[in-house]
């Protein structure tokens, strides 16, 4: 008696975006590790120097984490109200942060008490950063002013009042210690030069600006606000080069990767999008809540995302060592025959070889076809999950029934409104599907 042959399912290639090196690079991250903070995570900043610890600003605290630690290795809690904008200096030894009370505090990363306290802002200070010389601090406040402070003497050096709304974005130049960029809720992005004491360039973003970012060459400037991400050419007087609208809600943060300077943007729609050099999306990270802050480690080893629900999501890059240890765990030990006969055992010429039949495992629809339950086999193939997730199985079963000449019997006695409607809907979806129509036409 001939053995039953399972139904041959023809799998069609999936149509989609071409897999590139960028796509594979950004898919090579582990599942995120989630750390619960005391409030919404508004700022994440990595230390420029190894071991690249990162400061997380949330609620009234700033926690400093190691790359692979889930507990803070240092905490700064000398804030009476919400802390904002914790940022490292270029040597990673000092940390500056603003606060809801309008004070700016300077911390030694190895201590706990504030080394300096800058007073002068009348409202909350959301943005603080060191200028590239390391001896001056620039701040942006809700009192509509940008101020520059001298670190050794804690004296205010300059105050600029060109914005007409809250200042919520700040990016100092790393090539010139006298330049910095600000973004405001008045929809403008301004480039300031401390030598002239005023702005030297103004760009209209068109929406309240949430984040500004300079490329390493400082020829290109990124601004985010509303659903838009805009790229500006500073050499051409602030000319708009690209306007991206790939998020569904406000884009709150942006950063650059170390390898290839790829742009990453985070939004309140809970997505992080990665762009290539042509500003096409090559990867997408999904998060559990709206995103407020984001940062990438200087060597791209870690991608950290801060959310409104107080959760810090940390993704680590996979390495070959991790894959080797995983495969070694899954590797089965030697069989009983190896233990008895030895690994290099070879059967002799007069040995009688007993062949063990290979057991055949059948799918549910194949078992029903084997027992000639053709109506039940069609029901199994038309189940909702099979129709939507594996339509090729449904097609294969219908083709097999037609080959046997039992398709008419399988369709007999069915309710037109309920049972046959599934079949018609499935046939219509296949006719309108690109993958099936293109495959059949070829």
Protein backbone atom coordinates (compact mmCIF):
# COMPACT_ATOMS: atom_id res chain seq x y z
CA UNK A 1 0.00 0.00 0.00
CA UNK A 2 1.43 3.39 -1.02
CA UNK A 3 2.08 5.84 1.80
CA UNK A 4 0.10 9.06 2.03
CA UNK A 5 1.81 12.07 0.46
CA UNK A 6 1.34 15.35 2.39
CA UNK A 7 -0.14 18.34 0.60
CA UNK A 8 2.55 20.29 -1.22
CA UNK A 9 2.45 23.91 -0.08
CA UNK A 10 4.11 26.39 -2.40
CA UNK A 11 5.61 29.25 -0.39
CA UNK A 12 5.84 32.55 -2.25
CA UNK A 13 8.59 35.08 -1.59
CA UNK A 14 7.54 38.03 0.56
CA UNK A 15 7.50 41.37 -1.19
CA UNK A 16 8.94 44.28 0.76
CA UNK A 17 11.93 46.55 1.14
CA UNK A 18 15.32 45.34 0.00
CA UNK A 19 17.45 44.12 2.88
CA UNK A 20 20.55 46.32 3.05
CA UNK A 21 23.62 46.42 5.28
CA UNK A 22 22.03 49.25 7.27
CA UNK A 23 18.92 47.14 7.91
CA UNK A 24 20.99 44.18 9.14
CA UNK A 25 23.14 46.48 11.27
CA UNK A 26 20.21 47.98 13.17
CA UNK A 27 18.41 44.64 13.56
CA UNK A 28 21.43 43.30 15.41
CA UNK A 29 20.27 44.43 18.86
CA UNK A 30 19.01 42.32 21.75
CA UNK A 31 15.57 42.63 23.32
CA UNK A 32 15.34 45.79 25.43
CA UNK A 33 16.14 45.85 29.14
CA UNK A 34 13.61 48.04 30.95
CA UNK A 35 14.56 50.11 34.00
CA UNK A 36 11.90 51.92 36.01
CA UNK A 37 12.65 55.52 36.96
CA UNK A 38 10.79 57.85 39.37
CA UNK A 39 9.21 59.94 36.61
CA UNK A 40 9.22 60.74 32.91
CA UNK A 41 12.73 60.38 31.43
CA UNK A 42 13.42 63.78 29.84
CA UNK A 43 17.13 63.53 29.01
CA UNK A 44 19.73 60.82 28.33
CA UNK A 45 23.39 61.70 27.76
CA UNK A 46 26.37 59.36 27.26
CA UNK A 47 29.82 60.21 28.55
CA UNK A 48 32.16 60.90 25.59
CA UNK A 49 34.97 58.85 27.16
CA UNK A 50 35.12 55.12 28.01
CA UNK A 51 33.47 53.29 29.68
CA UNK A 52 30.69 55.52 28.27
CA UNK A 53 28.43 55.68 31.32
CA UNK A 54 25.20 57.54 30.71
CA UNK A 55 23.23 60.06 32.77
CA UNK A 56 19.45 59.72 32.96
CA UNK A 57 17.41 62.75 34.06
CA UNK A 58 14.00 61.88 35.51
CA UNK A 59 11.85 63.56 38.15
CA UNK A 60 14.05 65.14 40.87
CA UNK A 61 17.06 62.89 40.25
CA UNK A 62 19.89 62.24 37.84
CA UNK A 63 21.10 58.63 37.78
CA UNK A 64 24.35 57.56 36.16
CA UNK A 65 24.35 53.99 34.79
CA UNK A 66 27.10 51.78 33.43
CA UNK A 67 26.62 50.26 29.99
CA UNK A 68 25.65 46.87 31.44
CA UNK A 69 24.30 47.85 34.86
CA UNK A 70 20.61 47.93 35.74
CA UNK A 71 21.28 49.77 39.00
CA UNK A 72 22.67 53.34 39.11
CA UNK A 73 26.35 53.60 39.96
CA UNK A 74 25.91 57.27 40.95
CA UNK A 75 22.89 59.40 41.91
CA UNK A 76 22.45 63.17 42.16
CA UNK A 77 19.41 64.07 44.22
CA UNK A 78 20.08 67.68 45.33
CA UNK A 79 17.02 69.01 43.51
CA UNK A 80 13.99 70.46 45.27
CA UNK A 81 11.91 70.22 42.09
CA UNK A 82 12.09 68.48 38.73
CA UNK A 83 15.56 68.25 37.17
CA UNK A 84 16.17 68.82 33.46
CA UNK A 85 18.88 68.43 30.85
CA UNK A 86 21.68 66.56 32.63
CA UNK A 87 24.72 66.75 30.28
CA UNK A 88 28.36 65.64 30.51
CA UNK A 89 31.38 67.81 29.81
CA UNK A 90 33.72 66.72 27.01
CA UNK A 91 36.09 64.99 29.46
CA UNK A 92 33.23 63.19 31.24
CA UNK A 93 34.28 64.54 34.67
CA UNK A 94 31.60 67.21 35.19
CA UNK A 95 27.82 67.15 34.83
CA UNK A 96 25.50 70.17 34.49
CA UNK A 97 21.72 70.22 34.90
CA UNK A 98 18.85 72.69 35.06
CA UNK A 99 15.71 72.52 37.18
CA UNK A 100 12.10 73.61 37.49
CA UNK A 101 13.11 76.14 40.15
CA UNK A 102 15.33 78.03 37.66
CA UNK A 103 18.68 77.01 39.18
CA UNK A 104 21.58 75.41 37.31
CA UNK A 105 23.81 73.01 39.22
CA UNK A 106 27.27 71.73 38.38
CA UNK A 107 28.36 68.33 39.73
CA UNK A 108 31.62 66.44 39.91
CA UNK A 109 30.88 62.98 38.53
CA UNK A 110 32.82 61.37 41.38
CA UNK A 111 30.99 63.34 44.11
CA UNK A 112 27.45 64.07 45.20
CA UNK A 113 27.39 67.73 46.27
CA UNK A 114 27.01 70.51 43.68
CA UNK A 115 30.32 72.27 42.94
CA UNK A 116 28.65 75.37 41.48
CA UNK A 117 25.17 76.84 41.41
CA UNK A 118 24.20 79.40 38.77
CA UNK A 119 21.32 81.73 39.62
CA UNK A 120 19.69 84.25 37.28
CA UNK A 121 16.83 82.55 35.43
CA UNK A 122 13.36 83.42 36.66
CA UNK A 123 11.64 80.28 35.29
CA UNK A 124 12.38 76.62 34.64
CA UNK A 125 15.65 75.79 32.85
CA UNK A 126 15.00 72.84 30.52
CA UNK A 127 18.25 72.86 28.52
CA UNK A 128 21.86 73.05 29.74
CA UNK A 129 25.14 72.14 28.07
CA UNK A 130 28.86 72.82 28.13
CA UNK A 131 30.44 74.82 25.35
CA UNK A 132 33.31 73.00 23.65
CA UNK A 133 36.01 74.83 25.64
CA UNK A 134 34.68 73.19 28.82
CA UNK A 135 34.88 76.40 30.85
CA UNK A 136 31.49 77.86 29.95
CA UNK A 137 27.93 76.62 30.33
CA UNK A 138 25.00 77.68 28.14
CA UNK A 139 21.37 77.38 29.28
CA UNK A 140 17.92 77.84 27.76
CA UNK A 141 14.94 78.74 29.92
CA UNK A 142 11.18 79.29 29.93
CA UNK A 143 11.90 82.94 30.77
CA UNK A 144 12.73 83.29 27.02
CA UNK A 145 16.46 83.89 27.61
CA UNK A 146 19.68 82.07 26.74
CA UNK A 147 22.48 82.66 29.21
CA UNK A 148 26.17 81.82 29.18
CA UNK A 149 27.97 81.17 32.48
CA UNK A 150 31.62 81.05 33.51
CA UNK A 151 32.35 77.77 35.31
CA UNK A 152 35.33 78.83 37.54
CA UNK A 153 33.66 81.99 38.91
CA UNK A 154 29.94 81.01 38.53
CA UNK A 155 29.34 84.44 36.95
CA UNK A 156 26.87 85.16 34.15
CA UNK A 157 28.78 86.22 31.02
CA UNK A 158 25.94 86.96 28.63
CA UNK A 159 22.13 86.98 28.38
CA UNK A 160 20.33 86.83 25.02
CA UNK A 161 16.62 87.54 24.64
CA UNK A 162 15.83 86.98 20.96
CA UNK A 163 13.29 84.16 21.32
CA UNK A 164 9.64 84.99 22.03
CA UNK A 165 8.61 81.65 23.57
CA UNK A 166 10.01 78.82 25.68
CA UNK A 167 13.49 77.56 24.71
CA UNK A 168 13.40 73.76 24.67
CA UNK A 169 16.28 72.79 22.36
CA UNK A 170 20.01 73.44 22.55
CA UNK A 171 23.09 72.17 20.67
CA UNK A 172 26.59 73.65 21.22
CA UNK A 173 29.20 73.55 18.46
CA UNK A 174 32.07 71.13 19.05
CA UNK A 175 34.32 72.87 16.51
CA UNK A 176 33.86 76.46 17.67
CA UNK A 177 33.50 77.27 21.41
CA UNK A 178 31.64 80.52 20.63
CA UNK A 179 28.79 78.99 18.60
CA UNK A 180 25.61 77.25 19.75
CA UNK A 181 22.16 76.55 18.29
CA UNK A 182 18.81 76.97 20.05
CA UNK A 183 15.26 75.96 19.20
CA UNK A 184 12.13 77.50 20.65
CA UNK A 185 8.38 77.12 20.79
CA UNK A 186 8.23 80.32 18.71
CA UNK A 187 8.91 77.98 15.71
CA UNK A 188 12.42 79.34 15.10
CA UNK A 189 15.91 77.84 15.16
CA UNK A 190 18.73 80.33 15.80
CA UNK A 191 22.51 80.08 15.54
CA UNK A 192 24.27 82.34 18.09
CA UNK A 193 27.84 83.63 18.06
CA UNK A 194 29.14 84.74 21.44
CA UNK A 195 31.65 87.09 19.77
CA UNK A 196 28.81 89.23 18.39
CA UNK A 197 26.44 88.55 21.28
CA UNK A 198 23.49 87.89 18.95
CA UNK A 199 22.13 85.40 16.43
CA UNK A 200 23.88 85.10 13.07
CA UNK A 201 21.28 82.86 11.41
CA UNK A 202 17.55 82.18 11.85
CA UNK A 203 15.48 79.35 10.35
CA UNK A 204 11.71 78.92 10.43
CA UNK A 205 10.80 75.35 11.38
CA UNK A 206 7.06 75.99 11.21
CA UNK A 207 6.22 74.17 14.47
CA UNK A 208 7.33 74.38 18.12
CA UNK A 209 10.93 73.11 18.09
CA UNK A 210 11.59 70.17 20.42
CA UNK A 211 15.17 69.25 19.47
CA UNK A 212 18.12 70.56 17.47
CA UNK A 213 21.16 68.55 16.43
CA UNK A 214 24.42 69.32 14.61
CA UNK A 215 26.20 66.82 12.36
CA UNK A 216 29.91 66.28 13.22
CA UNK A 217 30.99 68.39 10.21
CA UNK A 218 28.54 71.09 11.44
CA UNK A 219 27.51 71.77 7.85
CA UNK A 220 24.09 70.19 8.41
CA UNK A 221 21.62 70.99 11.18
CA UNK A 222 18.62 68.88 12.22
CA UNK A 223 15.51 70.34 13.85
CA UNK A 224 12.44 68.43 15.05
CA UNK A 225 9.02 69.74 15.98
CA UNK A 226 5.45 68.77 15.25
CA UNK A 227 5.50 65.73 12.95
CA UNK A 228 8.41 67.14 10.95
CA UNK A 229 12.14 66.48 10.90
CA UNK A 230 14.00 69.11 8.86
CA UNK A 231 17.59 69.19 7.63
CA UNK A 232 19.24 72.58 7.06
CA UNK A 233 22.42 73.50 5.17
CA UNK A 234 24.33 76.07 7.24
CA UNK A 235 26.85 76.79 4.46
CA UNK A 236 23.99 78.01 2.29
CA UNK A 237 22.67 80.40 4.93
CA UNK A 238 20.27 77.95 6.56
CA UNK A 239 18.63 76.60 3.41
CA UNK A 240 16.16 73.75 3.98
CA UNK A 241 17.44 70.57 2.30
CA UNK A 242 15.00 67.86 3.45
CA UNK A 243 11.67 67.81 5.25
CA UNK A 244 10.65 64.41 6.65
CA UNK A 245 7.17 63.52 7.86
CA UNK A 246 7.29 59.85 8.85
CA UNK A 247 5.94 60.05 12.41
CA UNK A 248 2.27 60.23 13.35
CA UNK A 249 2.78 62.46 16.40
CA UNK A 250 5.22 65.08 17.66
CA UNK A 251 8.91 64.23 17.14
CA UNK A 252 10.50 64.90 20.52
CA UNK A 253 14.13 63.85 20.12
CA UNK A 254 16.87 63.02 17.64
CA UNK A 255 20.45 61.73 17.75
CA UNK A 256 23.21 60.45 15.48
CA UNK A 257 24.93 57.08 15.45
CA UNK A 258 28.71 56.87 15.63
CA UNK A 259 29.00 54.50 12.65
CA UNK A 260 28.00 56.30 9.48
CA UNK A 261 26.27 59.20 11.29
CA UNK A 262 22.83 57.68 10.76
CA UNK A 263 19.95 59.83 12.01
CA UNK A 264 17.57 58.43 14.65
CA UNK A 265 14.33 60.16 15.66
CA UNK A 266 11.92 59.41 18.50
CA UNK A 267 8.30 60.49 18.77
CA UNK A 268 5.20 60.47 20.93
CA UNK A 269 3.85 57.80 18.54
CA UNK A 270 6.13 55.30 20.39
CA UNK A 271 8.44 54.68 17.42
CA UNK A 272 12.17 55.23 16.89
CA UNK A 273 13.02 55.52 13.20
CA UNK A 274 16.50 55.04 11.74
CA UNK A 275 17.40 56.81 8.48
CA UNK A 276 20.21 56.11 6.04
CA UNK A 277 22.34 58.77 4.32
CA UNK A 278 19.52 59.32 1.78
CA UNK A 279 17.03 59.85 4.62
CA UNK A 280 15.12 56.66 3.85
CA UNK A 281 13.89 54.60 6.80
CA UNK A 282 16.00 51.45 7.21
CA UNK A 283 14.75 50.29 10.62
CA UNK A 284 12.12 50.95 13.25
CA UNK A 285 12.21 50.33 17.02
CA UNK A 286 8.85 49.99 18.79
CA UNK A 287 8.41 51.14 22.39
CA UNK A 288 5.69 50.68 25.01
CA UNK A 289 4.98 54.38 25.63
CA UNK A 290 5.52 57.84 24.15
CA UNK A 291 9.20 58.72 23.72
CA UNK A 292 10.69 61.85 25.28
CA UNK A 293 14.45 61.28 25.02
CA UNK A 294 16.96 59.09 23.26
CA UNK A 295 20.72 58.60 22.97
CA UNK A 296 23.16 56.22 21.29
CA UNK A 297 26.46 55.21 22.87
CA UNK A 298 29.58 56.57 21.11
CA UNK A 299 30.39 53.09 19.76
CA UNK A 300 26.74 52.19 18.96
CA UNK A 301 26.88 49.45 21.62
CA UNK A 302 23.76 50.73 23.38
CA UNK A 303 20.57 52.51 22.31
CA UNK A 304 18.78 54.08 25.29
CA UNK A 305 15.22 55.44 25.06
CA UNK A 306 13.33 57.36 27.77
CA UNK A 307 9.54 57.36 27.90
CA UNK A 308 6.68 59.28 29.49
CA UNK A 309 5.75 56.37 31.80
CA UNK A 310 9.12 56.58 33.55
CA UNK A 311 10.61 53.52 31.85
CA UNK A 312 14.14 53.55 30.47
CA UNK A 313 14.49 51.08 27.58
CA UNK A 314 18.07 49.93 26.91
CA UNK A 315 19.05 47.82 23.89
CA UNK A 316 22.51 46.22 23.68
CA UNK A 317 24.23 45.17 20.48
CA UNK A 318 24.60 41.45 19.77
CA UNK A 319 28.08 39.97 19.34
CA UNK A 320 29.41 36.76 17.83
CA UNK A 321 30.37 35.52 21.29
CA UNK A 322 26.73 35.74 22.40
CA UNK A 323 25.61 33.73 19.37
CA UNK A 324 28.31 31.09 19.93
CA UNK A 325 27.34 30.59 23.59
CA UNK A 326 23.67 30.33 22.57
CA UNK A 327 24.36 27.66 19.95
CA UNK A 328 26.61 25.75 22.34
CA UNK A 329 23.80 25.57 24.88
CA UNK A 330 21.41 24.19 22.29
CA UNK A 331 23.87 21.57 21.02
CA UNK A 332 22.77 18.06 21.94
CA UNK A 333 25.11 15.58 23.52
CA UNK A 334 26.30 12.40 21.78
CA UNK A 335 23.79 9.61 21.24
CA UNK A 336 23.71 6.26 23.02
CA UNK A 337 25.32 4.56 20.00
CA UNK A 338 28.37 6.81 20.29
CA UNK A 339 28.85 5.91 23.95
CA UNK A 340 28.57 2.16 23.26
CA UNK A 341 30.48 1.80 19.98
CA UNK A 342 32.65 4.90 20.01
CA UNK A 343 32.61 8.03 17.91
CA UNK A 344 34.62 6.60 14.98
CA UNK A 345 32.88 3.22 14.82
CA UNK A 346 32.46 1.81 11.29
CA UNK A 347 30.13 -1.20 10.63
CA UNK A 348 31.85 -4.38 9.42
CA UNK A 349 31.02 -6.09 6.18
CA UNK A 350 29.09 -8.98 7.77
CA UNK A 351 27.06 -6.71 10.10
CA UNK A 352 23.30 -6.67 9.59
CA UNK A 353 22.02 -3.08 9.44
CA UNK A 354 18.51 -2.54 10.83
CA UNK A 355 16.91 0.54 9.30
CA UNK A 356 14.52 2.52 11.44
CA UNK A 357 11.48 3.87 9.60
CA UNK A 358 11.11 7.63 9.68
CA UNK A 359 7.87 8.63 11.35
CA UNK A 360 5.68 10.90 9.25
CA UNK A 361 4.05 13.87 11.00
CA UNK A 362 0.97 15.24 9.28
CA UNK A 363 -0.78 18.56 9.63
CA UNK A 364 -4.40 18.62 10.71
CA UNK A 365 -5.71 19.18 7.18
CA UNK A 366 -3.52 16.35 5.87
CA UNK A 367 -4.90 13.95 8.49
CA UNK A 368 -8.42 14.90 7.41
CA UNK A 369 -7.56 14.43 3.74
CA UNK A 370 -6.02 11.05 4.55
CA UNK A 371 -9.28 9.96 6.17
CA UNK A 372 -11.28 11.43 3.22
CA UNK A 373 -12.96 14.08 5.44
CA UNK A 374 -12.75 16.62 2.62
CA UNK A 375 -15.30 19.03 4.09
CA UNK A 376 -13.44 19.20 7.41
CA UNK A 377 -10.12 19.68 5.59
CA UNK A 378 -11.59 22.69 3.76
CA UNK A 379 -12.91 24.07 7.07
CA UNK A 380 -9.43 23.79 8.59
CA UNK A 381 -7.88 25.59 5.61
CA UNK A 382 -10.47 28.39 5.81
CA UNK A 383 -9.92 29.15 9.49
CA UNK A 384 -9.27 32.85 10.16
CA UNK A 385 -5.67 32.46 11.35
CA UNK A 386 -4.73 30.21 8.41
CA UNK A 387 -6.38 32.51 5.85
CA UNK A 388 -4.63 35.63 7.15
CA UNK A 389 -1.22 34.32 8.26
CA UNK A 390 -0.66 31.43 5.83
CA UNK A 391 -2.85 31.95 2.75
CA UNK A 392 -0.60 29.61 0.74
CA UNK A 393 -1.86 26.69 2.90
CA UNK A 394 -5.48 27.53 2.06
CA UNK A 395 -4.63 27.69 -1.65
CA UNK A 396 -2.71 24.37 -1.51
CA UNK A 397 -5.65 22.54 0.15
CA UNK A 398 -8.15 23.87 -2.41
CA UNK A 399 -5.83 22.84 -5.26
CA UNK A 400 -5.45 19.35 -3.75
CA UNK A 401 -9.23 18.97 -3.39
CA UNK A 402 -9.68 20.06 -6.99
CA UNK A 403 -7.01 17.58 -8.14
CA UNK A 404 -8.84 14.78 -6.35
CA UNK A 405 -12.14 15.88 -7.85
CA UNK A 406 -13.70 16.29 -4.39
CA UNK A 407 -13.89 20.10 -4.23
CA UNK A 408 -17.58 20.02 -5.16
CA UNK A 409 -18.28 17.56 -2.35
CA UNK A 410 -16.33 19.71 0.12
CA UNK A 411 -18.42 22.76 -0.79
CA UNK A 412 -21.75 20.93 -0.72
CA UNK A 413 -24.26 21.75 2.02
CA UNK A 414 -22.62 25.01 3.11
CA UNK A 415 -24.43 28.16 4.18
CA UNK A 416 -23.94 30.82 1.51
CA UNK A 417 -23.99 33.76 3.94
CA UNK A 418 -21.43 32.40 6.39
CA UNK A 419 -19.26 29.57 5.04
CA UNK A 420 -19.01 30.48 1.36
CA UNK A 421 -18.42 34.17 2.16
CA UNK A 422 -15.05 33.23 3.74
CA UNK A 423 -14.01 31.46 0.55
CA UNK A 424 -15.07 34.35 -1.69
CA UNK A 425 -13.31 36.92 0.51
CA UNK A 426 -10.14 34.84 0.48
CA UNK A 427 -10.27 34.45 -3.32
CA UNK A 428 -10.75 38.23 -3.68
CA UNK A 429 -7.80 38.99 -1.37
CA UNK A 430 -5.57 36.67 -3.40
CA UNK A 431 -6.58 38.30 -6.67
CA UNK A 432 -5.74 41.77 -5.28
CA UNK A 433 -2.50 40.65 -3.59
CA UNK A 434 0.69 41.77 -5.31
CA UNK A 435 2.68 38.69 -4.31
CA UNK A 436 0.17 36.19 -5.77
CA UNK A 437 -0.69 38.13 -8.93
CA UNK A 438 2.96 38.84 -9.76
CA UNK A 439 3.92 35.21 -9.13
CA UNK A 440 1.11 33.84 -11.29
CA UNK A 441 1.81 36.28 -14.12
CA UNK A 442 5.45 35.22 -14.17
